[in-house]
């Protein structure tokens, strides 16, 4: 079950941008370890990512601050991505090399 989380300010580490392809649509989402939740967080669609300030915004209105550059996912986020990628018709890949 996916828990819907209200928009807010998010501090994230061990993260990457996930490219999700489904039924001809392609969206990008943040996935990583969220300090506010003490768990992984899979964002709504990305509106903006600024690599210079290492910040981002999503369509839901959440603002993200990243503690390091995108790369290897936190084990909880990696496990979620593995499970999510097994859904029929969905193709996922990481935007940045680990």
PDB file of N, CA and C in Angstrom:
ATOM      1  N   UNK A   1       0.839  -1.184   0.000  1.00  0.00           N
ATOM      2  CA  UNK A   1       0.000   0.000   0.000  1.00  0.00           C
ATOM      3  C   UNK A   1       0.882   1.244   0.000  1.00  0.00           C
ATOM      4  N   UNK A   2       0.555   2.209  -0.853  1.00  0.00           N
ATOM      5  CA  UNK A   2       1.299   3.456  -0.930  1.00  0.00           C
ATOM      6  C   UNK A   2       0.595   4.491  -0.066  1.00  0.00           C
ATOM      7  N   UNK A   3       1.359   5.086   0.834  1.00  0.00           N
ATOM      8  CA  UNK A   3       0.798   6.107   1.712  1.00  0.00           C
ATOM      9  C   UNK A   3       0.887   7.464   1.017  1.00  0.00           C
ATOM     10  N   UNK A   4      -0.223   8.165   0.907  1.00  0.00           N
ATOM     11  CA  UNK A   4      -0.227   9.492   0.310  1.00  0.00           C
ATOM     12  C   UNK A   4       0.193  10.492   1.373  1.00  0.00           C
ATOM     13  N   UNK A   5       1.237  11.259   1.051  1.00  0.00           N
ATOM     14  CA  UNK A   5       1.824  12.197   1.997  1.00  0.00           C
ATOM     15  C   UNK A   5       1.535  13.614   1.520  1.00  0.00           C
ATOM     16  N   UNK A   6       1.086  14.492   2.403  1.00  0.00           N
ATOM     17  CA  UNK A   6       0.805  15.861   1.982  1.00  0.00           C
ATOM     18  C   UNK A   6       2.089  16.589   1.589  1.00  0.00           C
ATOM     19  N   UNK A   7       1.970  17.613   0.718  1.00  0.00           N
ATOM     20  CA  UNK A   7       3.144  18.370   0.307  1.00  0.00           C
ATOM     21  C   UNK A   7       3.808  19.056   1.496  1.00  0.00           C
ATOM     22  N   UNK A   8       5.082  19.307   1.359  1.00  0.00           N
ATOM     23  CA  UNK A   8       5.807  19.983   2.424  1.00  0.00           C
ATOM     24  C   UNK A   8       7.249  20.193   2.046  1.00  0.00           C
ATOM     25  N   UNK A   9       8.053  20.513   3.036  1.00  0.00           N
ATOM     26  CA  UNK A   9       9.494  20.666   2.837  1.00  0.00           C
ATOM     27  C   UNK A   9      10.136  19.331   3.167  1.00  0.00           C
ATOM     28  N   UNK A  10      10.942  18.840   2.239  1.00  0.00           N
ATOM     29  CA  UNK A  10      11.506  17.506   2.352  1.00  0.00           C
ATOM     30  C   UNK A  10      13.031  17.586   2.295  1.00  0.00           C
ATOM     31  N   UNK A  11      13.680  16.911   3.249  1.00  0.00           N
ATOM     32  CA  UNK A  11      15.133  16.770   3.241  1.00  0.00           C
ATOM     33  C   UNK A  11      15.426  15.327   2.883  1.00  0.00           C
ATOM     34  N   UNK A  12      16.232  15.125   1.824  1.00  0.00           N
ATOM     35  CA  UNK A  12      16.417  13.778   1.307  1.00  0.00           C
ATOM     36  C   UNK A  12      17.897  13.471   1.101  1.00  0.00           C
ATOM     37  N   UNK A  13      18.250  12.205   1.358  1.00  0.00           N
ATOM     38  CA  UNK A  13      19.593  11.714   1.059  1.00  0.00           C
ATOM     39  C   UNK A  13      19.463  10.375   0.333  1.00  0.00           C
ATOM     40  N   UNK A  14      20.602   9.848  -0.099  1.00  0.00           N
ATOM     41  CA  UNK A  14      20.627   8.538  -0.776  1.00  0.00           C
ATOM     42  C   UNK A  14      19.501   8.457  -1.799  1.00  0.00           C
ATOM     43  N   UNK A  15      19.551   9.333  -2.777  1.00  0.00           N
ATOM     44  CA  UNK A  15      18.417   9.544  -3.671  1.00  0.00           C
ATOM     45  C   UNK A  15      18.854   9.517  -5.128  1.00  0.00           C
ATOM     46  N   UNK A  16      17.849   9.509  -6.004  1.00  0.00           N
ATOM     47  CA  UNK A  16      18.056   9.622  -7.441  1.00  0.00           C
ATOM     48  C   UNK A  16      16.734  10.060  -8.057  1.00  0.00           C
ATOM     49  N   UNK A  17      16.776  10.384  -9.321  1.00  0.00           N
ATOM     50  CA  UNK A  17      15.557  10.664 -10.082  1.00  0.00           C
ATOM     51  C   UNK A  17      15.195   9.381 -10.814  1.00  0.00           C
ATOM     52  N   UNK A  18      13.944   8.963 -10.654  1.00  0.00           N
ATOM     53  CA  UNK A  18      13.440   7.761 -11.308  1.00  0.00           C
ATOM     54  C   UNK A  18      12.616   8.192 -12.511  1.00  0.00           C
ATOM     55  N   UNK A  19      12.939   7.627 -13.658  1.00  0.00           N
ATOM     56  CA  UNK A  19      12.162   7.871 -14.876  1.00  0.00           C
ATOM     57  C   UNK A  19      11.165   6.721 -14.993  1.00  0.00           C
ATOM     58  N   UNK A  20       9.878   7.070 -15.005  1.00  0.00           N
ATOM     59  CA  UNK A  20       8.806   6.077 -15.053  1.00  0.00           C
ATOM     60  C   UNK A  20       8.100   6.192 -16.400  1.00  0.00           C
ATOM     61  N   UNK A  21       8.039   5.068 -17.119  1.00  0.00           N
ATOM     62  CA  UNK A  21       7.330   5.010 -18.394  1.00  0.00           C
ATOM     63  C   UNK A  21       6.133   4.073 -18.227  1.00  0.00           C
ATOM     64  N   UNK A  22       4.937   4.586 -18.584  1.00  0.00           N
ATOM     65  CA  UNK A  22       3.713   3.808 -18.441  1.00  0.00           C
ATOM     66  C   UNK A  22       2.700   4.278 -19.472  1.00  0.00           C
ATOM     67  N   UNK A  23       2.244   3.365 -20.299  1.00  0.00           N
ATOM     68  CA  UNK A  23       1.218   3.633 -21.310  1.00  0.00           C
ATOM     69  C   UNK A  23       1.534   4.872 -22.150  1.00  0.00           C
ATOM     70  N   UNK A  24       2.772   4.983 -22.584  1.00  0.00           N
ATOM     71  CA  UNK A  24       3.176   6.088 -23.455  1.00  0.00           C
ATOM     72  C   UNK A  24       3.510   7.378 -22.739  1.00  0.00           C
ATOM     73  N   UNK A  25       3.373   7.426 -21.440  1.00  0.00           N
ATOM     74  CA  UNK A  25       3.702   8.612 -20.654  1.00  0.00           C
ATOM     75  C   UNK A  25       5.050   8.407 -19.975  1.00  0.00           C
ATOM     76  N   UNK A  26       5.815   9.478 -19.879  1.00  0.00           N
ATOM     77  CA  UNK A  26       7.099   9.442 -19.194  1.00  0.00           C
ATOM     78  C   UNK A  26       7.100  10.555 -18.148  1.00  0.00           C
ATOM     79  N   UNK A  27       7.366  10.197 -16.895  1.00  0.00           N
ATOM     80  CA  UNK A  27       7.461  11.179 -15.820  1.00  0.00           C
ATOM     81  C   UNK A  27       8.734  10.910 -15.024  1.00  0.00           C
ATOM     82  N   UNK A  28       9.209  11.951 -14.377  1.00  0.00           N
ATOM     83  CA  UNK A  28      10.369  11.830 -13.505  1.00  0.00           C
ATOM     84  C   UNK A  28       9.933  12.140 -12.080  1.00  0.00           C
ATOM     85  N   UNK A  29      10.446  11.330 -11.125  1.00  0.00           N
ATOM     86  CA  UNK A  29      10.090  11.479  -9.714  1.00  0.00           C
ATOM     87  C   UNK A  29      11.345  11.334  -8.865  1.00  0.00           C
ATOM     88  N   UNK A  30      11.366  12.004  -7.714  1.00  0.00           N
ATOM     89  CA  UNK A  30      12.448  11.828  -6.760  1.00  0.00           C
ATOM     90  C   UNK A  30      12.167  10.588  -5.918  1.00  0.00           C
ATOM     91  N   UNK A  31      13.206   9.829  -5.621  1.00  0.00           N
ATOM     92  CA  UNK A  31      13.089   8.684  -4.723  1.00  0.00           C
ATOM     93  C   UNK A  31      14.335   8.634  -3.856  1.00  0.00           C
ATOM     94  N   UNK A  32      14.143   8.560  -2.552  1.00  0.00           N
ATOM     95  CA  UNK A  32      15.280   8.473  -1.650  1.00  0.00           C
ATOM     96  C   UNK A  32      14.831   8.408  -0.206  1.00  0.00           C
ATOM     97  N   UNK A  33      15.788   8.604   0.686  1.00  0.00           N
ATOM     98  CA  UNK A  33      15.515   8.551   2.117  1.00  0.00           C
ATOM     99  C   UNK A  33      15.084   9.929   2.594  1.00  0.00           C
ATOM    100  N   UNK A  34      13.899  10.007   3.189  1.00  0.00           N
ATOM    101  CA  UNK A  34      13.322  11.257   3.675  1.00  0.00           C
ATOM    102  C   UNK A  34      13.554  11.358   5.179  1.00  0.00           C
ATOM    103  N   UNK A  35      14.229  12.414   5.626  1.00  0.00           N
ATOM    104  CA  UNK A  35      14.513  12.588   7.050  1.00  0.00           C
ATOM    105  C   UNK A  35      13.256  12.898   7.853  1.00  0.00           C
ATOM    106  N   UNK A  36      12.306  13.582   7.273  1.00  0.00           N
ATOM    107  CA  UNK A  36      11.079  13.921   7.987  1.00  0.00           C
ATOM    108  C   UNK A  36      10.246  12.676   8.297  1.00  0.00           C
ATOM    109  N   UNK A  37      10.280  11.682   7.406  1.00  0.00           N
ATOM    110  CA  UNK A  37       9.506  10.447   7.590  1.00  0.00           C
ATOM    111  C   UNK A  37      10.326   9.321   8.211  1.00  0.00           C
ATOM    112  N   UNK A  38      11.637   9.466   8.190  1.00  0.00           N
ATOM    113  CA  UNK A  38      12.550   8.376   8.593  1.00  0.00           C
ATOM    114  C   UNK A  38      12.240   7.114   7.787  1.00  0.00           C
ATOM    115  N   UNK A  39      12.002   7.311   6.498  1.00  0.00           N
ATOM    116  CA  UNK A  39      11.639   6.229   5.591  1.00  0.00           C
ATOM    117  C   UNK A  39      11.884   6.716   4.171  1.00  0.00           C
ATOM    118  N   UNK A  40      11.634   5.840   3.185  1.00  0.00           N
ATOM    119  CA  UNK A  40      11.781   6.303   1.809  1.00  0.00           C
ATOM    120  C   UNK A  40      10.607   7.201   1.433  1.00  0.00           C
ATOM    121  N   UNK A  41      10.821   8.004   0.393  1.00  0.00           N
ATOM    122  CA  UNK A  41       9.742   8.832  -0.150  1.00  0.00           C
ATOM    123  C   UNK A  41       9.858   8.801  -1.669  1.00  0.00           C
ATOM    124  N   UNK A  42       8.735   8.595  -2.337  1.00  0.00           N
ATOM    125  CA  UNK A  42       8.627   8.580  -3.798  1.00  0.00           C
ATOM    126  C   UNK A  42       7.734   9.758  -4.151  1.00  0.00           C
ATOM    127  N   UNK A  43       8.305  10.758  -4.771  1.00  0.00           N
ATOM    128  CA  UNK A  43       7.596  12.023  -4.975  1.00  0.00           C
ATOM    129  C   UNK A  43       6.547  11.945  -6.069  1.00  0.00           C
ATOM    130  N   UNK A  44       5.783  13.019  -6.161  1.00  0.00           N
ATOM    131  CA  UNK A  44       4.938  13.216  -7.333  1.00  0.00           C
ATOM    132  C   UNK A  44       5.871  13.675  -8.470  1.00  0.00           C
ATOM    133  N   UNK A  45       5.307  13.979  -9.611  1.00  0.00           N
ATOM    134  CA  UNK A  45       6.103  14.357 -10.777  1.00  0.00           C
ATOM    135  C   UNK A  45       6.951  15.597 -10.490  1.00  0.00           C
ATOM    136  N   UNK A  46       8.191  15.553 -10.971  1.00  0.00           N
ATOM    137  CA  UNK A  46       9.116  16.678 -10.793  1.00  0.00           C
ATOM    138  C   UNK A  46       8.725  17.826 -11.709  1.00  0.00           C
ATOM    139  N   UNK A  47       8.710  19.026 -11.128  1.00  0.00           N
ATOM    140  CA  UNK A  47       8.501  20.257 -11.896  1.00  0.00           C
ATOM    141  C   UNK A  47       9.852  20.891 -12.189  1.00  0.00           C
ATOM    142  N   UNK A  48      10.766  20.792 -11.213  1.00  0.00           N
ATOM    143  CA  UNK A  48      12.048  21.470 -11.336  1.00  0.00           C
ATOM    144  C   UNK A  48      13.102  20.763 -10.489  1.00  0.00           C
ATOM    145  N   UNK A  49      14.309  20.637 -11.049  1.00  0.00           N
ATOM    146  CA  UNK A  49      15.468  20.193 -10.272  1.00  0.00           C
ATOM    147  C   UNK A  49      16.619  21.115 -10.639  1.00  0.00           C
ATOM    148  N   UNK A  50      17.216  21.752  -9.638  1.00  0.00           N
ATOM    149  CA  UNK A  50      18.351  22.658  -9.850  1.00  0.00           C
ATOM    150  C   UNK A  50      19.602  21.994  -9.285  1.00  0.00           C
ATOM    151  N   UNK A  51      20.467  21.464 -10.163  1.00  0.00           N
ATOM    152  CA  UNK A  51      21.659  20.780  -9.669  1.00  0.00           C
ATOM    153  C   UNK A  51      22.643  21.701  -8.952  1.00  0.00           C
ATOM    154  N   UNK A  52      22.629  22.992  -9.256  1.00  0.00           N
ATOM    155  CA  UNK A  52      23.559  23.920  -8.585  1.00  0.00           C
ATOM    156  C   UNK A  52      23.203  24.103  -7.116  1.00  0.00           C
ATOM    157  N   UNK A  53      21.915  24.293  -6.827  1.00  0.00           N
ATOM    158  CA  UNK A  53      21.502  24.460  -5.430  1.00  0.00           C
ATOM    159  C   UNK A  53      21.121  23.120  -4.798  1.00  0.00           C
ATOM    160  N   UNK A  54      21.054  22.068  -5.635  1.00  0.00           N
ATOM    161  CA  UNK A  54      20.668  20.724  -5.198  1.00  0.00           C
ATOM    162  C   UNK A  54      19.300  20.739  -4.502  1.00  0.00           C
ATOM    163  N   UNK A  55      18.348  21.389  -5.179  1.00  0.00           N
ATOM    164  CA  UNK A  55      16.978  21.491  -4.688  1.00  0.00           C
ATOM    165  C   UNK A  55      16.011  21.131  -5.803  1.00  0.00           C
ATOM    166  N   UNK A  56      14.757  20.845  -5.428  1.00  0.00           N
ATOM    167  CA  UNK A  56      13.755  20.522  -6.423  1.00  0.00           C
ATOM    168  C   UNK A  56      12.355  20.830  -5.938  1.00  0.00           C
ATOM    169  N   UNK A  57      11.422  20.798  -6.881  1.00  0.00           N
ATOM    170  CA  UNK A  57      10.004  21.004  -6.588  1.00  0.00           C
ATOM    171  C   UNK A  57       9.210  19.978  -7.378  1.00  0.00           C
ATOM    172  N   UNK A  58       8.054  19.605  -6.816  1.00  0.00           N
ATOM    173  CA  UNK A  58       7.185  18.652  -7.497  1.00  0.00           C
ATOM    174  C   UNK A  58       5.817  19.270  -7.752  1.00  0.00           C
ATOM    175  N   UNK A  59       5.048  18.604  -8.595  1.00  0.00           N
ATOM    176  CA  UNK A  59       3.729  19.092  -8.984  1.00  0.00           C
ATOM    177  C   UNK A  59       2.789  19.194  -7.783  1.00  0.00           C
ATOM    178  N   UNK A  60       3.022  18.408  -6.742  1.00  0.00           N
ATOM    179  CA  UNK A  60       2.162  18.468  -5.555  1.00  0.00           C
ATOM    180  C   UNK A  60       2.416  19.708  -4.705  1.00  0.00           C
ATOM    181  N   UNK A  61       3.553  20.386  -4.967  1.00  0.00           N
ATOM    182  CA  UNK A  61       3.896  21.574  -4.197  1.00  0.00           C
ATOM    183  C   UNK A  61       5.003  21.351  -3.183  1.00  0.00           C
ATOM    184  N   UNK A  62       5.524  20.139  -3.087  1.00  0.00           N
ATOM    185  CA  UNK A  62       6.621  19.871  -2.147  1.00  0.00           C
ATOM    186  C   UNK A  62       7.924  20.485  -2.647  1.00  0.00           C
ATOM    187  N   UNK A  63       8.733  20.945  -1.693  1.00  0.00           N
ATOM    188  CA  UNK A  63      10.068  21.480  -1.969  1.00  0.00           C
ATOM    189  C   UNK A  63      11.094  20.518  -1.389  1.00  0.00           C
ATOM    190  N   UNK A  64      12.098  20.165  -2.177  1.00  0.00           N
ATOM    191  CA  UNK A  64      13.102  19.187  -1.774  1.00  0.00           C
ATOM    192  C   UNK A  64      14.469  19.835  -1.640  1.00  0.00           C
ATOM    193  N   UNK A  65      15.183  19.439  -0.581  1.00  0.00           N
ATOM    194  CA  UNK A  65      16.587  19.798  -0.387  1.00  0.00           C
ATOM    195  C   UNK A  65      17.333  18.478  -0.288  1.00  0.00           C
ATOM    196  N   UNK A  66      18.368  18.329  -1.106  1.00  0.00           N
ATOM    197  CA  UNK A  66      19.128  17.089  -1.151  1.00  0.00           C
ATOM    198  C   UNK A  66      20.476  17.286  -0.478  1.00  0.00           C
ATOM    199  N   UNK A  67      20.862  16.324   0.359  1.00  0.00           N
ATOM    200  CA  UNK A  67      22.082  16.439   1.147  1.00  0.00           C
ATOM    201  C   UNK A  67      23.331  16.060   0.364  1.00  0.00           C
ATOM    202  N   UNK A  68      23.157  15.377  -0.761  1.00  0.00           N
ATOM    203  CA  UNK A  68      24.272  15.061  -1.638  1.00  0.00           C
ATOM    204  C   UNK A  68      23.751  14.959  -3.065  1.00  0.00           C
ATOM    205  N   UNK A  69      24.639  14.749  -3.992  1.00  0.00           N
ATOM    206  CA  UNK A  69      24.262  14.625  -5.403  1.00  0.00           C
ATOM    207  C   UNK A  69      23.511  13.310  -5.618  1.00  0.00           C
ATOM    208  N   UNK A  70      22.725  13.219  -6.696  1.00  0.00           N
ATOM    209  CA  UNK A  70      22.000  11.972  -6.960  1.00  0.00           C
ATOM    210  C   UNK A  70      22.968  10.814  -7.213  1.00  0.00           C
ATOM    211  N   UNK A  71      22.554   9.632  -6.782  1.00  0.00           N
ATOM    212  CA  UNK A  71      23.400   8.453  -6.955  1.00  0.00           C
ATOM    213  C   UNK A  71      22.720   7.216  -6.424  1.00  0.00           C
ATOM    214  N   UNK A  72      23.434   6.473  -5.608  1.00  0.00           N
ATOM    215  CA  UNK A  72      22.939   5.216  -5.072  1.00  0.00           C
ATOM    216  C   UNK A  72      21.758   5.460  -4.132  1.00  0.00           C
ATOM    217  N   UNK A  73      20.720   4.632  -4.285  1.00  0.00           N
ATOM    218  CA  UNK A  73      19.522   4.752  -3.455  1.00  0.00           C
ATOM    219  C   UNK A  73      19.729   4.119  -2.082  1.00  0.00           C
ATOM    220  N   UNK A  74      19.034   4.668  -1.094  1.00  0.00           N
ATOM    221  CA  UNK A  74      18.960   4.076   0.240  1.00  0.00           C
ATOM    222  C   UNK A  74      18.350   2.680   0.090  1.00  0.00           C
ATOM    223  N   UNK A  75      18.758   1.697   0.904  1.00  0.00           N
ATOM    224  CA  UNK A  75      18.209   0.335   0.776  1.00  0.00           C
ATOM    225  C   UNK A  75      16.677   0.262   0.813  1.00  0.00           C
ATOM    226  N   UNK A  76      16.015   1.070   1.637  1.00  0.00           N
ATOM    227  CA  UNK A  76      14.542   1.061   1.666  1.00  0.00           C
ATOM    228  C   UNK A  76      13.976   1.550   0.330  1.00  0.00           C
ATOM    229  N   UNK A  77      14.574   2.592  -0.229  1.00  0.00           N
ATOM    230  CA  UNK A  77      14.121   3.125  -1.515  1.00  0.00           C
ATOM    231  C   UNK A  77      14.409   2.120  -2.633  1.00  0.00           C
ATOM    232  N   UNK A  78      15.568   1.479  -2.567  1.00  0.00           N
ATOM    233  CA  UNK A  78      15.928   0.472  -3.576  1.00  0.00           C
ATOM    234  C   UNK A  78      14.939  -0.689  -3.551  1.00  0.00           C
ATOM    235  N   UNK A  79      14.567  -1.138  -2.371  1.00  0.00           N
ATOM    236  CA  UNK A  79      13.596  -2.236  -2.258  1.00  0.00           C
ATOM    237  C   UNK A  79      12.247  -1.825  -2.841  1.00  0.00           C
ATOM    238  N   UNK A  80      11.811  -0.584  -2.569  1.00  0.00           N
ATOM    239  CA  UNK A  80      10.549  -0.101  -3.128  1.00  0.00           C
ATOM    240  C   UNK A  80      10.625  -0.049  -4.652  1.00  0.00           C
ATOM    241  N   UNK A  81      11.735   0.479  -5.181  1.00  0.00           N
ATOM    242  CA  UNK A  81      11.885   0.584  -6.630  1.00  0.00           C
ATOM    243  C   UNK A  81      11.843  -0.796  -7.275  1.00  0.00           C
ATOM    244  N   UNK A  82      12.482  -1.762  -6.663  1.00  0.00           N
ATOM    245  CA  UNK A  82      12.465  -3.125  -7.196  1.00  0.00           C
ATOM    246  C   UNK A  82      11.033  -3.660  -7.244  1.00  0.00           C
ATOM    247  N   UNK A  83      10.279  -3.462  -6.169  1.00  0.00           N
ATOM    248  CA  UNK A  83       8.890  -3.920  -6.125  1.00  0.00           C
ATOM    249  C   UNK A  83       8.035  -3.170  -7.151  1.00  0.00           C
ATOM    250  N   UNK A  84       8.204  -1.861  -7.235  1.00  0.00           N
ATOM    251  CA  UNK A  84       7.428  -1.033  -8.162  1.00  0.00           C
ATOM    252  C   UNK A  84       7.709  -1.421  -9.615  1.00  0.00           C
ATOM    253  N   UNK A  85       8.962  -1.739  -9.918  1.00  0.00           N
ATOM    254  CA  UNK A  85       9.343  -2.065 -11.291  1.00  0.00           C
ATOM    255  C   UNK A  85       8.752  -3.397 -11.759  1.00  0.00           C
ATOM    256  N   UNK A  86       8.242  -4.200 -10.833  1.00  0.00           N
ATOM    257  CA  UNK A  86       7.643  -5.482 -11.184  1.00  0.00           C
ATOM    258  C   UNK A  86       6.180  -5.351 -11.606  1.00  0.00           C
ATOM    259  N   UNK A  87       5.610  -4.149 -11.505  1.00  0.00           N
ATOM    260  CA  UNK A  87       4.225  -3.933 -11.928  1.00  0.00           C
ATOM    261  C   UNK A  87       4.133  -4.058 -13.446  1.00  0.00           C
ATOM    262  N   UNK A  88       3.130  -4.772 -13.953  1.00  0.00           N
ATOM    263  CA  UNK A  88       2.999  -4.960 -15.400  1.00  0.00           C
ATOM    264  C   UNK A  88       2.849  -3.630 -16.144  1.00  0.00           C
ATOM    265  N   UNK A  89       3.582  -3.507 -17.239  1.00  0.00           N
ATOM    266  CA  UNK A  89       3.459  -2.340 -18.105  1.00  0.00           C
ATOM    267  C   UNK A  89       4.259  -1.124 -17.672  1.00  0.00           C
ATOM    268  N   UNK A  90       4.930  -1.206 -16.536  1.00  0.00           N
ATOM    269  CA  UNK A  90       5.721  -0.078 -16.040  1.00  0.00           C
ATOM    270  C   UNK A  90       7.194  -0.351 -16.280  1.00  0.00           C
ATOM    271  N   UNK A  91       7.881   0.635 -16.833  1.00  0.00           N
ATOM    272  CA  UNK A  91       9.330   0.523 -17.025  1.00  0.00           C
ATOM    273  C   UNK A  91       9.968   1.669 -16.245  1.00  0.00           C
ATOM    274  N   UNK A  92      10.924   1.357 -15.383  1.00  0.00           N
ATOM    275  CA  UNK A  92      11.595   2.386 -14.588  1.00  0.00           C
ATOM    276  C   UNK A  92      13.099   2.296 -14.774  1.00  0.00           C
ATOM    277  N   UNK A  93      13.761   3.446 -14.668  1.00  0.00           N
ATOM    278  CA  UNK A  93      15.213   3.487 -14.695  1.00  0.00           C
ATOM    279  C   UNK A  93      15.675   4.717 -13.930  1.00  0.00           C
ATOM    280  N   UNK A  94      16.901   4.670 -13.436  1.00  0.00           N
ATOM    281  CA  UNK A  94      17.467   5.813 -12.732  1.00  0.00           C
ATOM    282  C   UNK A  94      18.072   6.780 -13.742  1.00  0.00           C
ATOM    283  N   UNK A  95      17.899   8.055 -13.479  1.00  0.00           N
ATOM    284  CA  UNK A  95      18.405   9.088 -14.379  1.00  0.00           C
ATOM    285  C   UNK A  95      19.926   9.237 -14.258  1.00  0.00           C
ATOM    286  N   UNK A  96      20.434   9.121 -13.030  1.00  0.00           N
ATOM    287  CA  UNK A  96      21.860   9.325 -12.790  1.00  0.00           C
ATOM    288  C   UNK A  96      22.527   8.018 -12.422  1.00  0.00           C
ATOM    289  N   UNK A  97      23.710   7.807 -12.985  1.00  0.00           N
ATOM    290  CA  UNK A  97      24.488   6.605 -12.684  1.00  0.00           C
ATOM    291  C   UNK A  97      24.849   6.536 -11.220  1.00  0.00           C
ATOM    292  N   UNK A  98      24.919   5.341 -10.685  1.00  0.00           N
ATOM    293  CA  UNK A  98      25.283   5.140  -9.278  1.00  0.00           C
ATOM    294  C   UNK A  98      26.792   5.019  -9.141  1.00  0.00           C
TER     295      UNK A  98
END
